[in-house]
Amino acid sequence: MHPIGNSRQKRKGQHYIPRFYLKQFSIERNGEHYVWCYNKKTGDVFESNINNICKENWFYDRHNIFEDALSIIDGYHSTIYRFIEEIPMYALMEPEKRKIMEFVYLTHARTRRARELTMEQLMNFNYYILKNNTEKIFYTSDHPISQFDKSNEKGIKVAMPLAPDLFLIMNNSEDWMQLYPSQKIQASKWFVNEANKAMIQVAKDFIFSKTNDFEFVRQFLSNQDE
């Protein structure tokens, strides 16, 4: 009998954002990983174990078939952080690009705000990593992809924070390739702010951070309400 979906104890709470991804935004204590959470609707701030967020009861099914399969896939995708640090973006081969593309596509498809975009389109984009050395950090959320554009127009197609100090952009503009042939970019404070604004806007309910500092979130939401 195939092991997927046949575990004795079915997992009622099923994650729709990979834990290996949330771990990048967490602080480790005693072998457990915690992130700070901001509730957009109530303004409440709390700290949570990543095992307890971005999951819903029976989100996929009641047999754990999808949950078990996604656990295996997540283990496969988690290696992107290793080669992102080791391989220059311009030197990415198709297997590495496909793994990043699959991770972004699947992460997007798993969220409540999922939309459709063909994998073939994603494979044709250029990949850029923005390194954040500012005093600010990137937020993430329960919908971590802040831009997902399937149009044929030139420009940024995918925007997604990978860690508090790393940001992934997929772009189909040749101008970017001329400006950043190494496909590595230093993120400015302005970009970090704009990326965080976009993340706050697309979040369904929760914004996550490695630190308990959501003043930027509060100010941005307050300005939106005025």
N, C-alpha and C. Protein backbone atom coordinates (compact mmCIF):
# COMPACT_ATOMS: atom_id res chain seq x y z
N MET A 1 0.86 -1.20 0.00
CA MET A 1 0.00 0.00 0.00
C MET A 1 0.89 1.24 0.00
N HIS A 2 0.57 2.22 -0.83
CA HIS A 2 1.40 3.42 -0.93
C HIS A 2 1.33 4.20 0.38
N PRO A 3 2.49 4.69 0.89
CA PRO A 3 2.50 5.37 2.18
C PRO A 3 1.77 6.70 2.18
N ILE A 4 1.69 7.37 1.03
CA ILE A 4 1.04 8.68 1.00
C ILE A 4 -0.45 8.52 1.25
N GLY A 5 -0.93 9.26 2.24
CA GLY A 5 -2.36 9.25 2.53
C GLY A 5 -2.82 8.08 3.37
N ASN A 6 -1.87 7.21 3.79
CA ASN A 6 -2.26 6.03 4.54
C ASN A 6 -1.66 6.00 5.94
N SER A 7 -1.21 7.13 6.44
CA SER A 7 -0.68 7.18 7.79
C SER A 7 -1.81 6.90 8.77
N ARG A 8 -1.47 6.28 9.92
CA ARG A 8 -2.50 5.89 10.87
C ARG A 8 -3.28 7.09 11.40
N GLN A 9 -2.54 8.14 11.76
CA GLN A 9 -3.19 9.32 12.32
C GLN A 9 -3.28 10.40 11.26
N LYS A 10 -4.50 10.69 10.84
CA LYS A 10 -4.69 11.72 9.83
C LYS A 10 -4.47 13.10 10.42
N ARG A 11 -3.78 13.96 9.65
CA ARG A 11 -3.51 15.31 10.12
C ARG A 11 -4.66 16.21 9.71
N LYS A 12 -5.43 16.61 10.70
CA LYS A 12 -6.59 17.46 10.46
C LYS A 12 -6.16 18.86 10.04
N GLY A 13 -5.16 19.42 10.74
CA GLY A 13 -4.64 20.73 10.39
C GLY A 13 -3.63 20.63 9.27
N GLN A 14 -3.94 21.19 8.11
CA GLN A 14 -3.11 21.05 6.92
C GLN A 14 -2.58 22.42 6.49
N HIS A 15 -1.27 22.49 6.28
CA HIS A 15 -0.61 23.77 5.99
C HIS A 15 -0.76 24.16 4.52
N TYR A 16 -1.06 25.44 4.30
CA TYR A 16 -1.13 25.95 2.94
C TYR A 16 0.04 26.87 2.60
N ILE A 17 0.89 27.18 3.57
CA ILE A 17 2.18 27.84 3.32
C ILE A 17 3.26 26.91 3.88
N PRO A 18 4.27 26.56 3.08
CA PRO A 18 5.28 25.60 3.54
C PRO A 18 6.00 26.07 4.80
N ARG A 19 6.21 25.15 5.72
CA ARG A 19 6.89 25.50 6.96
C ARG A 19 8.36 25.81 6.72
N PHE A 20 8.99 25.17 5.74
CA PHE A 20 10.40 25.48 5.48
C PHE A 20 10.55 26.92 5.01
N TYR A 21 9.50 27.44 4.36
CA TYR A 21 9.51 28.85 3.94
C TYR A 21 9.32 29.77 5.15
N LEU A 22 8.34 29.50 5.97
CA LEU A 22 8.09 30.32 7.16
C LEU A 22 9.29 30.30 8.10
N LYS A 23 10.02 29.20 8.12
CA LYS A 23 11.19 29.07 8.99
C LYS A 23 12.23 30.14 8.69
N GLN A 24 12.30 30.59 7.42
CA GLN A 24 13.26 31.62 7.04
C GLN A 24 12.97 32.94 7.75
N PHE A 25 11.74 33.14 8.18
CA PHE A 25 11.32 34.39 8.82
C PHE A 25 11.19 34.23 10.33
N SER A 26 11.69 33.13 10.85
CA SER A 26 11.45 32.79 12.25
C SER A 26 12.69 32.96 13.12
N ILE A 27 12.46 32.86 14.41
CA ILE A 27 13.52 32.79 15.41
C ILE A 27 13.43 31.42 16.06
N GLU A 28 14.58 30.77 16.23
CA GLU A 28 14.59 29.41 16.81
C GLU A 28 14.80 29.48 18.32
N ARG A 29 13.99 28.75 19.04
CA ARG A 29 14.15 28.58 20.48
C ARG A 29 13.87 27.14 20.85
N ASN A 30 14.87 26.50 21.45
CA ASN A 30 14.72 25.11 21.91
C ASN A 30 14.24 24.18 20.80
N GLY A 31 14.79 24.40 19.61
CA GLY A 31 14.47 23.53 18.49
C GLY A 31 13.15 23.82 17.81
N GLU A 32 12.42 24.83 18.29
CA GLU A 32 11.16 25.22 17.67
C GLU A 32 11.33 26.59 17.01
N HIS A 33 10.49 26.86 16.01
CA HIS A 33 10.62 28.10 15.25
C HIS A 33 9.38 28.96 15.42
N TYR A 34 9.62 30.26 15.70
CA TYR A 34 8.54 31.18 16.01
C TYR A 34 8.62 32.43 15.13
N VAL A 35 7.45 32.92 14.71
CA VAL A 35 7.38 34.19 13.99
C VAL A 35 6.40 35.11 14.72
N TRP A 36 6.60 36.39 14.52
CA TRP A 36 5.64 37.37 15.04
C TRP A 36 4.57 37.59 13.99
N CYS A 37 3.34 37.70 14.45
CA CYS A 37 2.18 37.78 13.55
C CYS A 37 1.39 39.05 13.83
N TYR A 38 0.92 39.66 12.76
CA TYR A 38 0.07 40.85 12.87
C TYR A 38 -1.25 40.55 12.19
N ASN A 39 -2.34 40.70 12.92
CA ASN A 39 -3.67 40.47 12.38
C ASN A 39 -4.19 41.75 11.73
N LYS A 40 -4.38 41.75 10.42
CA LYS A 40 -4.81 42.94 9.70
C LYS A 40 -6.18 43.43 10.15
N LYS A 41 -7.03 42.52 10.56
CA LYS A 41 -8.40 42.89 10.88
C LYS A 41 -8.54 43.48 12.28
N THR A 42 -7.73 42.97 13.21
CA THR A 42 -7.89 43.40 14.61
C THR A 42 -6.74 44.26 15.10
N GLY A 43 -5.58 44.20 14.42
CA GLY A 43 -4.41 44.92 14.89
C GLY A 43 -3.66 44.20 15.98
N ASP A 44 -4.09 42.99 16.34
CA ASP A 44 -3.43 42.23 17.39
C ASP A 44 -2.08 41.71 16.91
N VAL A 45 -1.11 41.68 17.82
CA VAL A 45 0.22 41.14 17.55
C VAL A 45 0.46 39.99 18.50
N PHE A 46 0.96 38.89 17.98
CA PHE A 46 1.27 37.75 18.84
C PHE A 46 2.38 36.93 18.20
N GLU A 47 3.03 36.15 19.02
CA GLU A 47 4.08 35.26 18.54
C GLU A 47 3.50 33.86 18.43
N SER A 48 3.89 33.15 17.38
CA SER A 48 3.35 31.82 17.17
C SER A 48 4.40 30.87 16.65
N ASN A 49 4.30 29.63 17.05
CA ASN A 49 5.07 28.57 16.46
C ASN A 49 4.62 28.40 15.01
N ILE A 50 5.57 28.24 14.09
CA ILE A 50 5.18 28.12 12.68
C ILE A 50 4.33 26.89 12.42
N ASN A 51 4.34 25.93 13.34
CA ASN A 51 3.49 24.76 13.17
C ASN A 51 2.01 25.10 13.34
N ASN A 52 1.73 26.27 13.93
CA ASN A 52 0.35 26.59 14.27
C ASN A 52 -0.28 27.65 13.38
N ILE A 53 0.44 28.10 12.35
CA ILE A 53 -0.09 29.15 11.48
C ILE A 53 -0.18 28.66 10.04
N CYS A 54 -0.95 29.40 9.24
CA CYS A 54 -1.12 29.08 7.82
C CYS A 54 -1.57 27.64 7.62
N LYS A 55 -2.52 27.23 8.41
CA LYS A 55 -3.09 25.91 8.22
C LYS A 55 -4.58 25.97 8.56
N GLU A 56 -5.32 25.09 7.95
CA GLU A 56 -6.75 24.97 8.20
C GLU A 56 -7.12 23.51 8.30
N ASN A 57 -8.18 23.23 9.01
CA ASN A 57 -8.64 21.86 9.13
C ASN A 57 -9.13 21.35 7.78
N TRP A 58 -8.56 20.23 7.36
CA TRP A 58 -8.93 19.56 6.11
C TRP A 58 -8.88 20.52 4.92
N PHE A 59 -7.80 21.33 4.87
CA PHE A 59 -7.68 22.32 3.78
C PHE A 59 -7.66 21.64 2.42
N TYR A 60 -7.00 20.48 2.31
CA TYR A 60 -6.90 19.77 1.04
C TYR A 60 -7.91 18.61 0.94
N ASP A 61 -7.85 17.71 1.90
CA ASP A 61 -8.77 16.57 1.89
C ASP A 61 -8.74 15.91 3.26
N ARG A 62 -9.57 14.89 3.43
CA ARG A 62 -9.66 14.19 4.72
C ARG A 62 -8.84 12.91 4.74
N HIS A 63 -8.05 12.68 3.71
CA HIS A 63 -7.26 11.46 3.63
C HIS A 63 -5.75 11.72 3.69
N ASN A 64 -5.37 13.00 3.75
CA ASN A 64 -3.96 13.41 3.81
C ASN A 64 -3.18 13.06 2.55
N ILE A 65 -3.87 12.75 1.48
CA ILE A 65 -3.16 12.40 0.25
C ILE A 65 -2.35 13.60 -0.25
N PHE A 66 -3.02 14.75 -0.35
CA PHE A 66 -2.32 15.96 -0.80
C PHE A 66 -1.33 16.45 0.24
N GLU A 67 -1.71 16.40 1.50
CA GLU A 67 -0.83 16.88 2.58
C GLU A 67 0.46 16.08 2.61
N ASP A 68 0.35 14.75 2.50
CA ASP A 68 1.55 13.90 2.51
C ASP A 68 2.40 14.15 1.28
N ALA A 69 1.75 14.29 0.14
CA ALA A 69 2.51 14.54 -1.10
C ALA A 69 3.22 15.88 -1.04
N LEU A 70 2.53 16.89 -0.51
CA LEU A 70 3.15 18.22 -0.41
C LEU A 70 4.31 18.23 0.56
N SER A 71 4.25 17.41 1.61
CA SER A 71 5.38 17.32 2.54
C SER A 71 6.63 16.83 1.83
N ILE A 72 6.46 15.87 0.94
CA ILE A 72 7.60 15.35 0.16
C ILE A 72 8.10 16.43 -0.80
N ILE A 73 7.18 17.10 -1.46
CA ILE A 73 7.55 18.16 -2.41
C ILE A 73 8.24 19.31 -1.69
N ASP A 74 7.75 19.66 -0.50
CA ASP A 74 8.37 20.75 0.26
C ASP A 74 9.81 20.43 0.60
N GLY A 75 10.07 19.17 0.95
CA GLY A 75 11.45 18.76 1.23
C GLY A 75 12.34 18.94 0.02
N TYR A 76 11.79 18.65 -1.14
CA TYR A 76 12.52 18.81 -2.40
C TYR A 76 12.77 20.29 -2.69
N HIS A 77 11.75 21.12 -2.49
CA HIS A 77 11.87 22.54 -2.81
C HIS A 77 12.73 23.30 -1.80
N SER A 78 12.86 22.80 -0.59
CA SER A 78 13.59 23.53 0.45
C SER A 78 15.06 23.71 0.10
N THR A 79 15.57 22.93 -0.85
CA THR A 79 16.98 23.04 -1.23
C THR A 79 17.27 24.28 -2.07
N ILE A 80 16.23 25.03 -2.47
CA ILE A 80 16.50 26.22 -3.28
C ILE A 80 17.34 27.23 -2.52
N TYR A 81 17.23 27.25 -1.20
CA TYR A 81 18.00 28.22 -0.43
C TYR A 81 19.49 27.93 -0.49
N ARG A 82 19.84 26.67 -0.66
CA ARG A 82 21.26 26.32 -0.76
C ARG A 82 21.86 26.85 -2.05
N PHE A 83 21.21 26.55 -3.19
CA PHE A 83 21.86 26.98 -4.44
C PHE A 83 21.64 28.45 -4.74
N ILE A 84 20.64 29.09 -4.12
CA ILE A 84 20.52 30.54 -4.27
C ILE A 84 21.75 31.24 -3.70
N GLU A 85 22.28 30.69 -2.61
CA GLU A 85 23.48 31.27 -1.99
C GLU A 85 24.74 30.87 -2.75
N GLU A 86 24.73 29.73 -3.41
CA GLU A 86 25.96 29.19 -3.99
C GLU A 86 26.13 29.47 -5.48
N ILE A 87 25.03 29.64 -6.20
CA ILE A 87 25.10 29.75 -7.66
C ILE A 87 24.68 31.15 -8.10
N PRO A 88 25.51 31.83 -8.91
CA PRO A 88 25.08 33.12 -9.45
C PRO A 88 23.79 32.96 -10.26
N MET A 89 22.90 33.97 -10.19
CA MET A 89 21.62 33.86 -10.87
C MET A 89 21.78 33.65 -12.37
N TYR A 90 22.79 34.30 -12.98
CA TYR A 90 22.96 34.16 -14.41
C TYR A 90 23.43 32.76 -14.79
N ALA A 91 23.96 32.01 -13.81
CA ALA A 91 24.47 30.68 -14.09
C ALA A 91 23.47 29.57 -13.76
N LEU A 92 22.26 29.96 -13.37
CA LEU A 92 21.26 28.93 -13.07
C LEU A 92 20.96 28.10 -14.31
N MET A 93 21.01 26.79 -14.14
CA MET A 93 20.65 25.89 -15.23
C MET A 93 19.17 25.57 -15.14
N GLU A 94 18.65 24.91 -16.15
CA GLU A 94 17.21 24.63 -16.18
C GLU A 94 16.72 23.88 -14.95
N PRO A 95 17.45 22.89 -14.42
CA PRO A 95 16.94 22.20 -13.22
C PRO A 95 16.76 23.12 -12.03
N GLU A 96 17.72 24.06 -11.81
CA GLU A 96 17.58 24.99 -10.69
C GLU A 96 16.45 25.98 -10.94
N LYS A 97 16.38 26.51 -12.17
CA LYS A 97 15.31 27.44 -12.50
C LYS A 97 13.95 26.77 -12.36
N ARG A 98 13.87 25.52 -12.78
CA ARG A 98 12.59 24.79 -12.69
C ARG A 98 12.20 24.57 -11.24
N LYS A 99 13.19 24.29 -10.39
CA LYS A 99 12.86 24.07 -8.98
C LYS A 99 12.32 25.35 -8.34
N ILE A 100 12.96 26.50 -8.64
CA ILE A 100 12.46 27.77 -8.12
C ILE A 100 11.07 28.05 -8.67
N MET A 101 10.90 27.84 -9.97
CA MET A 101 9.62 28.09 -10.61
C MET A 101 8.53 27.21 -10.01
N GLU A 102 8.84 25.94 -9.79
CA GLU A 102 7.85 25.03 -9.22
C GLU A 102 7.47 25.46 -7.81
N PHE A 103 8.48 25.89 -7.03
CA PHE A 103 8.21 26.35 -5.66
C PHE A 103 7.28 27.56 -5.67
N VAL A 104 7.59 28.55 -6.52
CA VAL A 104 6.75 29.76 -6.59
C VAL A 104 5.35 29.40 -7.07
N TYR A 105 5.27 28.61 -8.12
CA TYR A 105 3.98 28.24 -8.69
C TYR A 105 3.12 27.50 -7.67
N LEU A 106 3.72 26.52 -6.99
CA LEU A 106 2.96 25.72 -6.03
C LEU A 106 2.58 26.54 -4.81
N THR A 107 3.50 27.40 -4.34
CA THR A 107 3.18 28.26 -3.20
C THR A 107 2.00 29.15 -3.53
N HIS A 108 2.02 29.71 -4.74
CA HIS A 108 0.92 30.56 -5.15
C HIS A 108 -0.38 29.76 -5.25
N ALA A 109 -0.31 28.59 -5.86
CA ALA A 109 -1.52 27.79 -6.09
C ALA A 109 -2.14 27.30 -4.78
N ARG A 110 -1.32 27.17 -3.72
CA ARG A 110 -1.82 26.63 -2.46
C ARG A 110 -2.59 27.67 -1.62
N THR A 111 -2.39 28.95 -1.91
CA THR A 111 -3.01 29.97 -1.06
C THR A 111 -4.46 30.22 -1.47
N ARG A 112 -5.17 30.93 -0.58
CA ARG A 112 -6.56 31.25 -0.85
C ARG A 112 -6.72 32.21 -2.02
N ARG A 113 -5.69 32.97 -2.28
CA ARG A 113 -5.78 33.96 -3.36
C ARG A 113 -5.17 33.45 -4.66
N ALA A 114 -5.15 32.13 -4.80
CA ALA A 114 -4.48 31.52 -5.95
C ALA A 114 -5.12 31.95 -7.27
N ARG A 115 -4.25 32.16 -8.26
CA ARG A 115 -4.70 32.43 -9.61
C ARG A 115 -3.98 31.48 -10.55
N GLU A 116 -4.31 31.57 -11.84
CA GLU A 116 -3.72 30.65 -12.80
C GLU A 116 -2.59 31.33 -13.57
N LEU A 117 -1.53 30.57 -13.74
CA LEU A 117 -0.43 31.01 -14.60
C LEU A 117 0.30 29.76 -15.07
N THR A 118 0.55 29.65 -16.34
CA THR A 118 1.17 28.43 -16.84
C THR A 118 2.64 28.37 -16.45
N MET A 119 3.14 27.17 -16.20
CA MET A 119 4.53 26.98 -15.81
C MET A 119 5.46 27.33 -16.98
N GLU A 120 4.97 27.15 -18.20
CA GLU A 120 5.81 27.47 -19.36
C GLU A 120 6.15 28.96 -19.39
N GLN A 121 5.20 29.81 -19.02
CA GLN A 121 5.46 31.25 -18.98
C GLN A 121 6.54 31.56 -17.94
N LEU A 122 6.43 30.95 -16.77
CA LEU A 122 7.40 31.22 -15.71
C LEU A 122 8.81 30.82 -16.10
N MET A 123 8.94 29.74 -16.85
CA MET A 123 10.26 29.24 -17.22
C MET A 123 11.02 30.22 -18.10
N ASN A 124 10.31 31.08 -18.80
CA ASN A 124 10.96 32.02 -19.72
C ASN A 124 11.40 33.32 -19.07
N PHE A 125 11.11 33.50 -17.79
CA PHE A 125 11.47 34.73 -17.11
C PHE A 125 12.93 34.71 -16.68
N ASN A 126 13.49 35.91 -16.47
CA ASN A 126 14.79 36.05 -15.84
C ASN A 126 14.60 36.10 -14.33
N TYR A 127 15.54 35.53 -13.60
CA TYR A 127 15.45 35.45 -12.15
C TYR A 127 16.44 36.42 -11.52
N TYR A 128 15.98 37.20 -10.55
CA TYR A 128 16.82 38.17 -9.85
C TYR A 128 16.66 37.99 -8.35
N ILE A 129 17.79 38.06 -7.64
CA ILE A 129 17.78 38.01 -6.18
C ILE A 129 18.22 39.37 -5.65
N LEU A 130 17.37 39.99 -4.83
CA LEU A 130 17.70 41.26 -4.19
C LEU A 130 18.15 40.97 -2.76
N LYS A 131 19.32 41.46 -2.44
CA LYS A 131 19.89 41.27 -1.10
C LYS A 131 19.61 42.51 -0.26
N ASN A 132 19.02 42.32 0.88
CA ASN A 132 18.63 43.41 1.76
C ASN A 132 19.65 43.57 2.88
N ASN A 133 20.45 44.62 2.79
CA ASN A 133 21.43 44.93 3.84
C ASN A 133 21.03 46.18 4.63
N THR A 134 19.78 46.60 4.50
CA THR A 134 19.31 47.78 5.23
C THR A 134 18.93 47.38 6.65
N GLU A 135 18.56 48.37 7.45
CA GLU A 135 18.15 48.08 8.82
C GLU A 135 16.73 47.53 8.88
N LYS A 136 16.01 47.59 7.76
CA LYS A 136 14.66 47.05 7.70
C LYS A 136 14.70 45.62 7.18
N ILE A 137 13.62 44.87 7.44
CA ILE A 137 13.55 43.50 6.95
C ILE A 137 12.29 43.31 6.13
N PHE A 138 12.31 42.29 5.27
CA PHE A 138 11.12 41.96 4.51
C PHE A 138 10.13 41.21 5.39
N TYR A 139 8.85 41.57 5.28
CA TYR A 139 7.77 40.79 5.88
C TYR A 139 7.36 39.69 4.90
N THR A 140 6.65 38.70 5.42
CA THR A 140 5.92 37.78 4.56
C THR A 140 4.50 37.70 5.11
N SER A 141 3.68 36.81 4.56
CA SER A 141 2.28 36.77 4.99
C SER A 141 1.66 35.42 4.65
N ASP A 142 0.34 35.33 4.88
CA ASP A 142 -0.38 34.11 4.52
C ASP A 142 -0.66 34.04 3.02
N HIS A 143 -0.19 35.04 2.27
CA HIS A 143 -0.17 34.98 0.80
C HIS A 143 1.15 35.62 0.36
N PRO A 144 2.25 34.86 0.39
CA PRO A 144 3.59 35.46 0.28
C PRO A 144 3.99 36.01 -1.07
N ILE A 145 3.25 35.72 -2.12
CA ILE A 145 3.61 36.26 -3.43
C ILE A 145 2.85 37.56 -3.65
N SER A 146 3.57 38.66 -3.65
CA SER A 146 2.93 39.97 -3.72
C SER A 146 2.61 40.40 -5.14
N GLN A 147 3.22 39.76 -6.12
CA GLN A 147 2.88 40.06 -7.51
C GLN A 147 2.94 38.77 -8.31
N PHE A 148 1.90 38.57 -9.12
CA PHE A 148 1.81 37.35 -9.93
C PHE A 148 1.06 37.73 -11.20
N ASP A 149 1.80 38.08 -12.22
CA ASP A 149 1.23 38.69 -13.42
C ASP A 149 1.35 37.74 -14.60
N LYS A 150 0.25 37.42 -15.23
CA LYS A 150 0.30 36.50 -16.38
C LYS A 150 0.13 37.23 -17.71
N SER A 151 0.18 38.55 -17.69
CA SER A 151 0.02 39.30 -18.94
C SER A 151 1.27 39.17 -19.81
N ASN A 152 1.15 39.56 -21.04
CA ASN A 152 2.29 39.51 -21.98
C ASN A 152 3.10 40.80 -21.97
N GLU A 153 2.67 41.78 -21.20
CA GLU A 153 3.39 43.04 -21.15
C GLU A 153 4.73 42.87 -20.44
N LYS A 154 5.69 43.68 -20.85
CA LYS A 154 7.02 43.62 -20.25
C LYS A 154 6.98 44.15 -18.82
N GLY A 155 7.82 43.59 -17.97
CA GLY A 155 7.91 44.07 -16.59
C GLY A 155 8.03 42.94 -15.60
N ILE A 156 7.88 43.29 -14.33
CA ILE A 156 7.98 42.29 -13.25
C ILE A 156 6.77 41.38 -13.30
N LYS A 157 7.01 40.09 -13.24
CA LYS A 157 5.94 39.10 -13.30
C LYS A 157 5.68 38.44 -11.95
N VAL A 158 6.74 38.20 -11.20
CA VAL A 158 6.60 37.56 -9.89
C VAL A 158 7.47 38.31 -8.90
N ALA A 159 6.93 38.58 -7.71
CA ALA A 159 7.69 39.22 -6.64
C ALA A 159 7.37 38.48 -5.34
N MET A 160 8.43 38.04 -4.65
CA MET A 160 8.21 37.21 -3.47
C MET A 160 9.41 37.30 -2.53
N PRO A 161 9.19 37.63 -1.25
CA PRO A 161 10.31 37.58 -0.29
C PRO A 161 10.67 36.13 0.00
N LEU A 162 11.96 35.84 0.03
CA LEU A 162 12.42 34.49 0.36
C LEU A 162 12.91 34.38 1.79
N ALA A 163 13.28 35.50 2.37
CA ALA A 163 13.78 35.56 3.75
C ALA A 163 13.77 37.04 4.14
N PRO A 164 14.00 37.36 5.41
CA PRO A 164 14.03 38.78 5.80
C PRO A 164 15.03 39.61 5.00
N ASP A 165 16.06 38.95 4.46
CA ASP A 165 17.08 39.69 3.72
C ASP A 165 17.20 39.27 2.25
N LEU A 166 16.25 38.49 1.75
CA LEU A 166 16.30 38.03 0.37
C LEU A 166 14.95 38.22 -0.31
N PHE A 167 14.99 38.67 -1.56
CA PHE A 167 13.75 38.89 -2.31
C PHE A 167 13.94 38.38 -3.73
N LEU A 168 12.97 37.61 -4.21
CA LEU A 168 13.02 37.05 -5.56
C LEU A 168 12.12 37.85 -6.48
N ILE A 169 12.67 38.20 -7.64
CA ILE A 169 11.88 38.84 -8.70
C ILE A 169 12.07 38.04 -9.98
N MET A 170 10.98 37.80 -10.70
CA MET A 170 11.03 37.22 -12.04
C MET A 170 10.57 38.31 -13.00
N ASN A 171 11.34 38.50 -14.05
CA ASN A 171 11.12 39.64 -14.94
C ASN A 171 11.34 39.20 -16.37
N ASN A 172 10.56 39.77 -17.30
CA ASN A 172 10.76 39.44 -18.72
C ASN A 172 11.24 40.65 -19.52
N SER A 173 11.86 41.61 -18.83
CA SER A 173 12.36 42.80 -19.50
C SER A 173 13.85 42.69 -19.77
N GLU A 174 14.25 42.92 -20.99
CA GLU A 174 15.67 42.89 -21.35
C GLU A 174 16.43 44.06 -20.71
N ASP A 175 15.73 45.14 -20.41
CA ASP A 175 16.38 46.29 -19.77
C ASP A 175 16.99 45.88 -18.43
N TRP A 176 16.28 45.05 -17.70
CA TRP A 176 16.80 44.59 -16.41
C TRP A 176 18.08 43.78 -16.60
N MET A 177 18.10 42.94 -17.62
CA MET A 177 19.28 42.12 -17.86
C MET A 177 20.48 42.98 -18.20
N GLN A 178 20.26 44.08 -18.90
CA GLN A 178 21.35 44.99 -19.22
C GLN A 178 21.85 45.73 -17.98
N LEU A 179 20.90 46.10 -17.10
CA LEU A 179 21.27 46.82 -15.89
C LEU A 179 21.90 45.90 -14.85
N TYR A 180 21.42 44.67 -14.77
CA TYR A 180 21.87 43.74 -13.73
C TYR A 180 22.26 42.40 -14.35
N PRO A 181 23.35 42.38 -15.13
CA PRO A 181 23.74 41.13 -15.81
C PRO A 181 24.07 39.99 -14.84
N SER A 182 24.51 40.34 -13.61
CA SER A 182 24.80 39.30 -12.63
C SER A 182 23.53 38.75 -11.99
N GLN A 183 22.42 39.46 -12.19
CA GLN A 183 21.11 39.12 -11.63
C GLN A 183 21.10 39.15 -10.11
N LYS A 184 22.04 39.91 -9.56
CA LYS A 184 22.04 40.19 -8.12
C LYS A 184 21.93 41.69 -7.92
N ILE A 185 21.07 42.11 -7.00
CA ILE A 185 20.80 43.53 -6.79
C ILE A 185 20.78 43.81 -5.30
N GLN A 186 21.33 44.95 -4.91
CA GLN A 186 21.22 45.40 -3.53
C GLN A 186 19.89 46.12 -3.36
N ALA A 187 19.08 45.65 -2.44
CA ALA A 187 17.78 46.28 -2.20
C ALA A 187 17.96 47.57 -1.42
N SER A 188 17.32 48.63 -1.88
CA SER A 188 17.37 49.90 -1.17
C SER A 188 16.30 49.92 -0.08
N LYS A 189 16.40 50.88 0.82
CA LYS A 189 15.38 51.04 1.85
C LYS A 189 14.03 51.32 1.21
N TRP A 190 14.03 52.09 0.13
CA TRP A 190 12.80 52.38 -0.59
C TRP A 190 12.16 51.09 -1.10
N PHE A 191 12.97 50.21 -1.69
CA PHE A 191 12.42 48.97 -2.22
C PHE A 191 11.86 48.10 -1.11
N VAL A 192 12.57 48.00 0.00
CA VAL A 192 12.08 47.19 1.12
C VAL A 192 10.72 47.71 1.58
N ASN A 193 10.60 49.04 1.69
CA ASN A 193 9.33 49.63 2.09
C ASN A 193 8.22 49.31 1.08
N GLU A 194 8.52 49.46 -0.21
CA GLU A 194 7.52 49.20 -1.23
C GLU A 194 7.13 47.72 -1.26
N ALA A 195 8.12 46.85 -1.10
CA ALA A 195 7.83 45.42 -1.08
C ALA A 195 6.96 45.06 0.11
N ASN A 196 7.24 45.67 1.24
CA ASN A 196 6.44 45.40 2.44
C ASN A 196 5.02 45.96 2.31
N LYS A 197 4.88 47.11 1.67
CA LYS A 197 3.54 47.65 1.42
C LYS A 197 2.73 46.67 0.57
N ALA A 198 3.36 46.16 -0.48
CA ALA A 198 2.67 45.21 -1.35
C ALA A 198 2.29 43.95 -0.59
N MET A 199 3.18 43.51 0.29
CA MET A 199 2.90 42.30 1.07
C MET A 199 1.72 42.52 2.01
N ILE A 200 1.67 43.69 2.63
CA ILE A 200 0.55 44.00 3.54
C ILE A 200 -0.77 43.99 2.77
N GLN A 201 -0.74 44.51 1.56
CA GLN A 201 -1.96 44.62 0.76
C GLN A 201 -2.49 43.25 0.33
N VAL A 202 -1.58 42.34 -0.04
CA VAL A 202 -2.06 41.05 -0.55
C VAL A 202 -2.33 40.04 0.56
N ALA A 203 -1.84 40.32 1.77
CA ALA A 203 -2.09 39.38 2.88
C ALA A 203 -3.59 39.20 3.08
N LYS A 204 -4.00 37.98 3.28
CA LYS A 204 -5.42 37.73 3.53
C LYS A 204 -5.79 38.17 4.94
N ASP A 205 -5.09 37.62 5.94
CA ASP A 205 -5.37 37.96 7.34
C ASP A 205 -4.12 38.33 8.12
N PHE A 206 -2.98 37.66 7.86
CA PHE A 206 -1.83 37.79 8.73
C PHE A 206 -0.56 38.17 7.99
N ILE A 207 0.22 39.04 8.62
CA ILE A 207 1.57 39.39 8.19
C ILE A 207 2.53 38.77 9.21
N PHE A 208 3.64 38.22 8.73
CA PHE A 208 4.60 37.55 9.61
C PHE A 208 5.95 38.25 9.55
N SER A 209 6.63 38.25 10.70
CA SER A 209 7.93 38.91 10.78
C SER A 209 8.83 38.16 11.74
N LYS A 210 10.12 38.31 11.51
CA LYS A 210 11.10 37.71 12.41
C LYS A 210 11.20 38.49 13.71
N THR A 211 10.79 39.75 13.69
CA THR A 211 10.86 40.59 14.88
C THR A 211 9.47 41.11 15.25
N ASN A 212 9.34 41.53 16.49
CA ASN A 212 8.06 42.05 16.97
C ASN A 212 7.99 43.56 16.70
N ASP A 213 8.10 43.91 15.44
CA ASP A 213 8.07 45.32 15.04
C ASP A 213 7.12 45.47 13.87
N PHE A 214 5.88 45.86 14.14
CA PHE A 214 4.87 46.02 13.11
C PHE A 214 4.41 47.47 12.98
N GLU A 215 5.25 48.40 13.43
CA GLU A 215 4.88 49.81 13.36
C GLU A 215 4.65 50.23 11.91
N PHE A 216 5.47 49.73 11.00
CA PHE A 216 5.32 50.04 9.58
C PHE A 216 3.96 49.54 9.09
N VAL A 217 3.56 48.36 9.53
CA VAL A 217 2.27 47.79 9.14
C VAL A 217 1.14 48.66 9.65
N ARG A 218 1.22 49.03 10.91
CA ARG A 218 0.16 49.85 11.50
C ARG A 218 0.02 51.18 10.78
N GLN A 219 1.14 51.84 10.51
CA GLN A 219 1.11 53.14 9.84
C GLN A 219 0.53 53.01 8.43
N PHE A 220 0.95 51.98 7.73
CA PHE A 220 0.47 51.81 6.37
C PHE A 220 -1.04 51.54 6.35
N LEU A 221 -1.52 50.67 7.21
CA LEU A 221 -2.95 50.37 7.26
C LEU A 221 -3.75 51.57 7.73
N SER A 222 -3.17 52.34 8.65
CA SER A 222 -3.85 53.55 9.13
C SER A 222 -4.04 54.55 8.00
N ASN A 223 -3.00 54.71 7.16
CA ASN A 223 -3.09 55.63 6.02
C ASN A 223 -4.11 55.16 5.00
N GLN A 224 -4.25 53.83 4.88
CA GLN A 224 -5.22 53.28 3.93
C GLN A 224 -6.64 53.56 4.37
N ASP A 225 -6.84 53.63 5.68
CA ASP A 225 -8.18 53.84 6.23
C ASP A 225 -8.64 55.29 6.14
N GLU A 226 -7.67 56.21 5.99
CA GLU A 226 -8.02 57.63 5.99
C GLU A 226 -8.67 58.06 4.68
